[in-house]
């Protein structure tokens, strides 16, 4: 489910059609970069995930929402990097 969710999210947010594996790899690479640069981002994401699961949100839906939040965080903190990565992925893949 996570790979499919990553594929849908990358298509919706970045406008890039990739395979499930490529989308997941791109998403996890962006997340790892964000967490490495901002330790508080990881804590915020864990807290949001905990709150969503506690409220009864299904795990698949929760994972998709977390992915979306992570991409929003990345876009707000590092818009130039995200635009550059999206451009390279779109035109070099």
N, C-alpha and C. Protein backbone atom coordinates (compact mmCIF):
# COMPACT_ATOMS: atom_id res chain seq x y z
N UNK A 1 0.82 -1.20 0.00
CA UNK A 1 0.00 0.00 0.00
C UNK A 1 0.86 1.25 0.00
N UNK A 2 1.97 1.24 0.76
CA UNK A 2 2.80 2.44 0.85
C UNK A 2 3.36 2.82 -0.51
N UNK A 3 3.81 1.85 -1.29
CA UNK A 3 4.37 2.17 -2.60
C UNK A 3 3.32 2.79 -3.50
N UNK A 4 2.10 2.24 -3.47
CA UNK A 4 1.04 2.79 -4.30
C UNK A 4 0.66 4.18 -3.84
N UNK A 5 0.61 4.38 -2.53
CA UNK A 5 0.31 5.70 -1.99
C UNK A 5 1.39 6.70 -2.38
N UNK A 6 2.64 6.29 -2.31
CA UNK A 6 3.75 7.17 -2.72
C UNK A 6 3.62 7.52 -4.19
N UNK A 7 3.25 6.55 -5.01
CA UNK A 7 3.09 6.79 -6.44
C UNK A 7 1.98 7.80 -6.69
N UNK A 8 0.85 7.65 -6.03
CA UNK A 8 -0.25 8.58 -6.18
C UNK A 8 0.14 9.98 -5.71
N UNK A 9 0.81 10.04 -4.59
CA UNK A 9 1.18 11.32 -4.01
C UNK A 9 2.21 12.05 -4.87
N UNK A 10 3.20 11.34 -5.38
CA UNK A 10 4.20 11.96 -6.25
C UNK A 10 3.53 12.49 -7.51
N UNK A 11 2.58 11.75 -8.03
CA UNK A 11 1.86 12.20 -9.22
C UNK A 11 1.04 13.44 -8.92
N UNK A 12 0.31 13.44 -7.81
CA UNK A 12 -0.54 14.57 -7.46
C UNK A 12 0.26 15.81 -7.10
N UNK A 13 1.27 15.66 -6.25
CA UNK A 13 2.00 16.82 -5.71
C UNK A 13 3.06 17.34 -6.66
N UNK A 14 3.78 16.43 -7.32
CA UNK A 14 4.91 16.85 -8.15
C UNK A 14 4.64 16.74 -9.64
N UNK A 15 3.55 16.08 -10.00
CA UNK A 15 3.21 15.93 -11.41
C UNK A 15 4.15 15.00 -12.16
N UNK A 16 4.70 14.02 -11.45
CA UNK A 16 5.65 13.09 -12.05
C UNK A 16 5.07 11.68 -11.97
N UNK A 17 5.01 11.01 -13.12
CA UNK A 17 4.54 9.63 -13.14
C UNK A 17 5.75 8.70 -13.08
N UNK A 18 5.85 7.98 -11.98
CA UNK A 18 6.94 7.03 -11.76
C UNK A 18 6.36 5.68 -11.39
N UNK A 19 7.21 4.67 -11.43
CA UNK A 19 6.77 3.36 -10.96
C UNK A 19 6.60 3.41 -9.45
N UNK A 20 5.96 2.41 -8.89
CA UNK A 20 5.75 2.36 -7.44
C UNK A 20 7.08 2.41 -6.69
N UNK A 21 8.04 1.62 -7.15
CA UNK A 21 9.33 1.57 -6.48
C UNK A 21 10.08 2.89 -6.58
N UNK A 22 10.05 3.51 -7.76
CA UNK A 22 10.72 4.79 -7.95
C UNK A 22 10.08 5.88 -7.09
N UNK A 23 8.76 5.87 -7.02
CA UNK A 23 8.05 6.86 -6.21
C UNK A 23 8.39 6.70 -4.74
N UNK A 24 8.40 5.46 -4.27
CA UNK A 24 8.74 5.22 -2.87
C UNK A 24 10.18 5.64 -2.58
N UNK A 25 11.09 5.34 -3.50
CA UNK A 25 12.48 5.72 -3.33
C UNK A 25 12.63 7.24 -3.28
N UNK A 26 11.94 7.95 -4.15
CA UNK A 26 11.98 9.41 -4.15
C UNK A 26 11.41 9.96 -2.85
N UNK A 27 10.27 9.45 -2.47
CA UNK A 27 9.61 9.92 -1.24
C UNK A 27 10.51 9.69 -0.02
N UNK A 28 11.06 8.48 0.13
CA UNK A 28 11.90 8.18 1.28
C UNK A 28 13.20 8.98 1.27
N UNK A 29 13.73 9.24 0.10
CA UNK A 29 14.92 10.08 0.00
C UNK A 29 14.64 11.50 0.47
N UNK A 30 13.50 12.05 0.06
CA UNK A 30 13.11 13.39 0.50
C UNK A 30 12.87 13.42 2.02
N UNK A 31 12.20 12.40 2.52
CA UNK A 31 11.93 12.34 3.96
C UNK A 31 13.21 12.22 4.77
N UNK A 32 14.13 11.38 4.32
CA UNK A 32 15.40 11.23 5.03
C UNK A 32 16.18 12.54 5.06
N UNK A 33 16.15 13.28 3.94
CA UNK A 33 16.81 14.58 3.89
C UNK A 33 16.17 15.54 4.88
N UNK A 34 14.84 15.58 4.88
CA UNK A 34 14.12 16.49 5.77
C UNK A 34 14.40 16.18 7.23
N UNK A 35 14.33 14.92 7.59
CA UNK A 35 14.56 14.52 8.99
C UNK A 35 16.01 14.78 9.39
N UNK A 36 16.95 14.60 8.47
CA UNK A 36 18.35 14.86 8.78
C UNK A 36 18.60 16.35 9.03
N UNK A 37 17.87 17.20 8.33
CA UNK A 37 18.04 18.65 8.47
C UNK A 37 17.22 19.23 9.62
N UNK A 38 16.13 18.56 10.00
CA UNK A 38 15.23 19.10 11.01
C UNK A 38 14.76 17.97 11.92
N UNK A 39 15.43 17.81 13.06
CA UNK A 39 15.10 16.74 13.99
C UNK A 39 13.68 16.88 14.53
N UNK A 40 13.20 18.09 14.65
CA UNK A 40 11.85 18.32 15.15
C UNK A 40 10.79 17.82 14.17
N UNK A 41 11.12 17.76 12.90
CA UNK A 41 10.16 17.26 11.89
C UNK A 41 9.78 15.82 12.22
N UNK A 42 10.75 15.02 12.59
CA UNK A 42 10.49 13.61 12.91
C UNK A 42 9.57 13.50 14.12
N UNK A 43 9.82 14.32 15.11
CA UNK A 43 8.99 14.30 16.31
C UNK A 43 7.56 14.74 15.99
N UNK A 44 7.41 15.78 15.18
CA UNK A 44 6.07 16.25 14.78
C UNK A 44 5.31 15.18 14.01
N UNK A 45 6.01 14.49 13.11
CA UNK A 45 5.37 13.45 12.32
C UNK A 45 4.92 12.30 13.20
N UNK A 46 5.76 11.88 14.14
CA UNK A 46 5.37 10.80 15.06
C UNK A 46 4.15 11.20 15.88
N UNK A 47 4.13 12.42 16.33
CA UNK A 47 2.99 12.90 17.12
C UNK A 47 1.71 12.94 16.28
N UNK A 48 1.81 13.42 15.05
CA UNK A 48 0.64 13.46 14.16
C UNK A 48 0.15 12.05 13.87
N UNK A 49 1.08 11.13 13.59
CA UNK A 49 0.70 9.75 13.30
C UNK A 49 0.02 9.11 14.50
N UNK A 50 0.56 9.34 15.68
CA UNK A 50 -0.03 8.81 16.89
C UNK A 50 -1.46 9.35 17.07
N UNK A 51 -1.62 10.65 16.89
CA UNK A 51 -2.95 11.25 17.04
C UNK A 51 -3.95 10.70 16.02
N UNK A 52 -3.50 10.52 14.79
CA UNK A 52 -4.40 9.98 13.76
C UNK A 52 -4.82 8.55 14.09
N UNK A 53 -3.86 7.73 14.48
CA UNK A 53 -4.17 6.33 14.81
C UNK A 53 -5.06 6.25 16.06
N UNK A 54 -4.81 7.13 17.01
CA UNK A 54 -5.61 7.16 18.23
C UNK A 54 -7.06 7.53 17.92
N UNK A 55 -7.26 8.38 16.89
CA UNK A 55 -8.61 8.79 16.50
C UNK A 55 -9.32 7.74 15.65
N UNK A 56 -8.64 6.67 15.31
CA UNK A 56 -9.27 5.59 14.57
C UNK A 56 -9.09 5.65 13.07
N UNK A 57 -8.18 6.46 12.58
CA UNK A 57 -7.91 6.52 11.15
C UNK A 57 -7.21 5.23 10.74
N UNK A 58 -7.67 4.62 9.66
CA UNK A 58 -7.05 3.39 9.17
C UNK A 58 -5.58 3.62 8.86
N UNK A 59 -4.77 2.59 9.03
CA UNK A 59 -3.33 2.69 8.84
C UNK A 59 -2.97 3.16 7.43
N UNK A 60 -3.63 2.62 6.40
CA UNK A 60 -3.34 3.02 5.02
C UNK A 60 -3.60 4.50 4.81
N UNK A 61 -4.73 4.98 5.32
CA UNK A 61 -5.07 6.39 5.20
C UNK A 61 -4.08 7.24 6.01
N UNK A 62 -3.72 6.77 7.16
CA UNK A 62 -2.76 7.47 8.02
C UNK A 62 -1.42 7.61 7.31
N UNK A 63 -0.93 6.54 6.70
CA UNK A 63 0.35 6.59 5.98
C UNK A 63 0.29 7.58 4.83
N UNK A 64 -0.82 7.60 4.10
CA UNK A 64 -0.97 8.55 3.00
C UNK A 64 -0.96 9.98 3.52
N UNK A 65 -1.67 10.24 4.61
CA UNK A 65 -1.70 11.59 5.18
C UNK A 65 -0.31 12.01 5.67
N UNK A 66 0.41 11.09 6.28
CA UNK A 66 1.76 11.39 6.74
C UNK A 66 2.66 11.72 5.55
N UNK A 67 2.54 10.96 4.48
CA UNK A 67 3.33 11.25 3.28
C UNK A 67 3.03 12.65 2.77
N UNK A 68 1.76 12.98 2.73
CA UNK A 68 1.36 14.30 2.25
C UNK A 68 1.91 15.41 3.16
N UNK A 69 1.83 15.21 4.45
CA UNK A 69 2.35 16.20 5.41
C UNK A 69 3.85 16.35 5.25
N UNK A 70 4.56 15.24 5.07
CA UNK A 70 6.01 15.31 4.90
C UNK A 70 6.38 16.09 3.64
N UNK A 71 5.66 15.85 2.56
CA UNK A 71 5.95 16.60 1.33
C UNK A 71 5.62 18.08 1.50
N UNK A 72 4.55 18.39 2.21
CA UNK A 72 4.23 19.80 2.49
C UNK A 72 5.33 20.44 3.32
N UNK A 73 5.82 19.74 4.33
CA UNK A 73 6.90 20.26 5.16
C UNK A 73 8.15 20.50 4.32
N UNK A 74 8.46 19.54 3.47
CA UNK A 74 9.64 19.66 2.61
C UNK A 74 9.48 20.86 1.69
N UNK A 75 8.31 21.00 1.11
CA UNK A 75 8.06 22.09 0.18
C UNK A 75 8.14 23.45 0.88
N UNK A 76 7.66 23.54 2.10
CA UNK A 76 7.71 24.81 2.81
C UNK A 76 9.12 25.16 3.28
N UNK A 77 9.92 24.15 3.62
CA UNK A 77 11.26 24.41 4.15
C UNK A 77 12.34 24.44 3.07
N UNK A 78 12.15 23.66 2.01
CA UNK A 78 13.17 23.55 0.97
C UNK A 78 12.53 23.57 -0.43
N UNK A 79 11.85 24.65 -0.80
CA UNK A 79 11.14 24.66 -2.08
C UNK A 79 12.06 24.55 -3.29
N UNK A 80 13.22 25.18 -3.23
CA UNK A 80 14.14 25.13 -4.36
C UNK A 80 14.69 23.73 -4.58
N UNK A 81 15.00 23.06 -3.49
CA UNK A 81 15.51 21.69 -3.60
C UNK A 81 14.44 20.77 -4.18
N UNK A 82 13.21 20.90 -3.70
CA UNK A 82 12.12 20.06 -4.20
C UNK A 82 11.87 20.32 -5.68
N UNK A 83 11.86 21.57 -6.08
CA UNK A 83 11.65 21.91 -7.48
C UNK A 83 12.77 21.34 -8.34
N UNK A 84 14.00 21.46 -7.87
CA UNK A 84 15.15 20.95 -8.61
C UNK A 84 15.10 19.43 -8.75
N UNK A 85 14.81 18.75 -7.65
CA UNK A 85 14.72 17.29 -7.69
C UNK A 85 13.58 16.85 -8.62
N UNK A 86 12.44 17.51 -8.52
CA UNK A 86 11.31 17.17 -9.38
C UNK A 86 11.67 17.37 -10.85
N UNK A 87 12.36 18.44 -11.16
CA UNK A 87 12.78 18.70 -12.54
C UNK A 87 13.72 17.61 -13.05
N UNK A 88 14.72 17.28 -12.24
CA UNK A 88 15.69 16.26 -12.65
C UNK A 88 15.00 14.92 -12.84
N UNK A 89 14.15 14.55 -11.90
CA UNK A 89 13.46 13.26 -11.99
C UNK A 89 12.55 13.23 -13.21
N UNK A 90 11.85 14.32 -13.44
CA UNK A 90 10.88 14.36 -14.54
C UNK A 90 11.55 14.28 -15.90
N UNK A 91 12.62 15.00 -16.07
CA UNK A 91 13.25 15.08 -17.39
C UNK A 91 14.43 14.14 -17.61
N UNK A 92 14.88 13.48 -16.55
CA UNK A 92 15.99 12.54 -16.70
C UNK A 92 15.56 11.09 -16.55
N UNK A 93 14.30 10.84 -16.19
CA UNK A 93 13.88 9.45 -16.02
C UNK A 93 13.17 8.94 -17.26
